[in-house]
Amino acid sequence: MENVKRRLFDKLKEFHPDKDFVVGVMSNAKHAEDQQAVVDFIENEKDASIEDVILLALHLRNARNMNQ
């Protein structure tokens, strides 16, 4: 699991090196499945914006919270 978390961290820093962006996404994508989803999104969506990544992380957190 730590491997996915590290991969997400590296992808986020590469995508946009702002510390607040990286910390914000990491704090919302706490589960390995969510972290992998964000990595996949960054890798596959060529026109993804910073806002898209943030919104995805928030959506994943909210969806997980609604299911609990």
Protein backbone atom coordinates (compact mmCIF):
# COMPACT_ATOMS: atom_id res chain seq x y z
CA MET A 1 0.00 0.00 0.00
CA GLU A 2 2.78 2.43 0.77
CA ASN A 3 3.95 2.01 -2.81
CA VAL A 4 0.68 3.49 -4.13
CA LYS A 5 0.88 6.37 -1.67
CA ARG A 6 4.44 7.15 -2.73
CA ARG A 7 3.53 6.89 -6.40
CA LEU A 8 0.64 9.32 -5.88
CA PHE A 9 2.92 11.73 -4.03
CA ASP A 10 5.45 11.64 -6.86
CA LYS A 11 2.76 12.06 -9.53
CA LEU A 12 1.23 15.02 -7.73
CA LYS A 13 4.57 16.76 -7.33
CA GLU A 14 5.30 16.19 -11.01
CA PHE A 15 1.82 17.40 -12.02
CA HIS A 16 1.92 20.58 -9.90
CA PRO A 17 4.68 21.05 -7.31
CA ASP A 18 2.69 23.37 -5.02
CA LYS A 19 2.85 21.98 -1.48
CA ASP A 20 -0.74 22.91 -0.64
CA PHE A 21 -2.02 21.12 -3.73
CA VAL A 22 -0.08 17.94 -2.92
CA VAL A 23 -1.09 17.94 0.75
CA GLY A 24 -4.72 18.69 -0.10
CA VAL A 25 -5.07 15.83 -2.54
CA MET A 26 -3.16 13.42 -0.30
CA SER A 27 -5.35 14.27 2.69
CA ASN A 28 -8.52 13.56 0.70
CA ALA A 29 -7.30 10.39 -1.03
CA LYS A 30 -6.41 8.38 2.07
CA HIS A 31 -7.31 4.90 0.83
CA ALA A 32 -5.15 2.90 -1.57
CA GLU A 33 -8.00 2.50 -4.07
CA ASP A 34 -8.64 6.25 -4.10
CA GLN A 35 -4.93 6.99 -4.40
CA GLN A 36 -4.68 4.64 -7.38
CA ALA A 37 -7.73 6.28 -8.97
CA VAL A 38 -6.04 9.69 -8.76
CA VAL A 39 -2.80 8.30 -10.22
CA ASP A 40 -4.74 6.70 -13.08
CA PHE A 41 -6.61 9.94 -13.70
CA ILE A 42 -3.41 11.98 -13.90
CA GLU A 43 -1.80 9.44 -16.20
CA ASN A 44 -4.78 9.02 -18.53
CA GLU A 45 -6.38 12.46 -18.73
CA LYS A 46 -4.13 14.54 -20.95
CA ASP A 47 -6.11 17.76 -20.42
CA ALA A 48 -6.59 17.37 -16.68
CA SER A 49 -6.34 20.57 -14.68
CA ILE A 50 -5.32 21.13 -11.08
CA GLU A 51 -8.97 21.71 -10.27
CA ASP A 52 -9.95 18.38 -11.88
CA VAL A 53 -7.52 16.49 -9.67
CA ILE A 54 -8.69 18.28 -6.54
CA LEU A 55 -12.34 17.66 -7.40
CA LEU A 56 -11.67 13.98 -8.03
CA ALA A 57 -9.98 13.59 -4.64
CA LEU A 58 -12.89 15.38 -2.94
CA HIS A 59 -15.44 13.27 -4.81
CA LEU A 60 -13.69 10.05 -3.81
CA ARG A 61 -13.60 11.12 -0.14
CA ASN A 62 -17.25 12.16 -0.15
CA ALA A 63 -18.36 8.96 -1.88
CA ARG A 64 -16.46 6.88 0.66
CA ASN A 65 -17.97 8.88 3.56
CA MET A 66 -21.50 8.39 2.21
CA ASN A 67 -20.99 4.62 2.06
CA GLN A 68 -19.90 4.34 5.68
